[in-house]
Amino acid sequence: MTTHEIPAATRTLRQMVLPAPPHPAGDQSLRLGLYVDCETTGLDWMRDEVIEVALLPFSYTPEDRIAQVRPPSGSELPPQSCP
């Protein structure tokens, strides 16, 4: 899956509306953050597997306000057995 590919079975429940950035795009005081979402087959780490990972990078201000959300990326992982 590429950065902007959305599987056909996916549906949007609510579109995220982003506010205008509070700082100019080149502002050096912005910090980088990363939201990580993992989908698993269950909660037992010995038996279950991670099947999908999604990453959402963003920039935020020193006041902890989100300034910019960057394009997400994600990947479906091939089935593997846990040791």
Protein backbone atom coordinates (compact mmCIF):
# COMPACT_ATOMS: atom_id res chain seq x y z
CA MET A 1 0.00 0.00 0.00
CA THR A 2 1.40 3.40 -0.91
CA THR A 3 1.06 6.61 1.08
CA HIS A 4 -2.27 7.72 -0.40
CA GLU A 5 -3.84 4.38 -1.34
CA ILE A 6 -7.01 3.54 0.59
CA PRO A 7 -8.36 -0.02 0.53
CA ALA A 8 -11.83 -0.40 -1.02
CA ALA A 9 -13.23 -1.85 2.23
CA THR A 10 -12.24 1.29 4.15
CA ARG A 11 -14.83 3.94 4.92
CA THR A 12 -14.37 7.37 6.45
CA LEU A 13 -16.44 7.88 9.57
CA ARG A 14 -15.50 11.51 10.06
CA GLN A 15 -13.20 13.67 7.93
CA MET A 16 -10.53 15.44 9.98
CA VAL A 17 -10.60 19.21 9.43
CA LEU A 18 -7.26 20.83 10.10
CA PRO A 19 -6.96 24.40 11.37
CA ALA A 20 -4.69 26.88 9.63
CA PRO A 21 -1.11 26.55 10.87
CA PRO A 22 -0.37 29.01 13.70
CA HIS A 23 3.25 29.41 12.52
CA PRO A 24 4.84 29.87 9.09
CA ALA A 25 5.80 26.60 7.38
CA GLY A 26 9.55 27.22 7.80
CA ASP A 27 9.35 28.08 11.51
CA GLN A 28 12.36 26.52 13.27
CA SER A 29 10.58 26.34 16.65
CA LEU A 30 8.22 23.59 15.44
CA ARG A 31 8.79 20.11 16.85
CA LEU A 32 8.11 16.78 15.15
CA GLY A 33 5.78 14.08 16.48
CA LEU A 34 4.59 10.71 15.22
CA TYR A 35 1.28 9.01 15.93
CA VAL A 36 1.57 5.21 15.60
CA ASP A 37 -1.46 2.93 15.24
CA CYS A 38 -1.05 -0.86 15.27
CA GLU A 39 -3.79 -3.32 14.35
CA THR A 40 -3.45 -6.79 15.87
CA THR A 41 -5.28 -10.10 15.70
CA GLY A 42 -5.78 -10.01 19.48
CA LEU A 43 -4.24 -8.97 22.79
CA ASP A 44 -2.10 -12.03 23.59
CA TRP A 45 1.47 -11.10 22.63
CA MET A 46 2.53 -14.76 22.63
CA ARG A 47 -0.19 -15.90 20.20
CA ASP A 48 -1.47 -12.89 18.24
CA GLU A 49 0.18 -10.85 15.50
CA VAL A 50 0.52 -7.26 14.32
CA ILE A 51 -1.25 -7.17 10.95
CA GLU A 52 -1.18 -3.47 10.07
CA VAL A 53 0.80 -0.39 11.08
CA ALA A 54 -0.17 3.22 10.32
CA LEU A 55 2.04 6.28 10.87
CA LEU A 56 0.89 9.90 11.01
CA PRO A 57 3.73 12.44 11.28
CA PHE A 58 2.89 15.94 12.51
CA SER A 59 4.55 19.19 13.63
CA TYR A 60 3.62 20.98 16.82
CA THR A 61 4.49 24.24 18.56
CA PRO A 62 6.36 24.70 21.87
CA GLU A 63 2.86 25.34 23.34
CA ASP A 64 1.86 21.79 22.26
CA ARG A 65 -0.54 22.91 19.52
CA ILE A 66 -0.58 20.92 16.29
CA ALA A 67 0.73 23.11 13.48
CA GLN A 68 0.77 20.68 10.54
CA VAL A 69 -0.30 17.11 9.86
CA ARG A 70 1.79 15.47 7.17
CA PRO A 71 0.70 12.71 4.76
CA PRO A 72 0.12 9.38 6.53
CA SER A 73 1.80 6.13 5.63
CA GLY A 74 0.93 2.58 6.48
CA SER A 75 1.47 -1.01 5.61
CA GLU A 76 -0.35 -4.29 5.88
CA LEU A 77 2.09 -6.89 7.16
CA PRO A 78 2.28 -10.43 5.80
CA PRO A 79 1.03 -13.15 8.19
CA GLN A 80 3.83 -14.50 10.36
CA SER A 81 3.82 -16.90 13.27
CA CYS A 82 5.10 -15.62 16.62
CA PRO A 83 8.03 -17.58 18.09
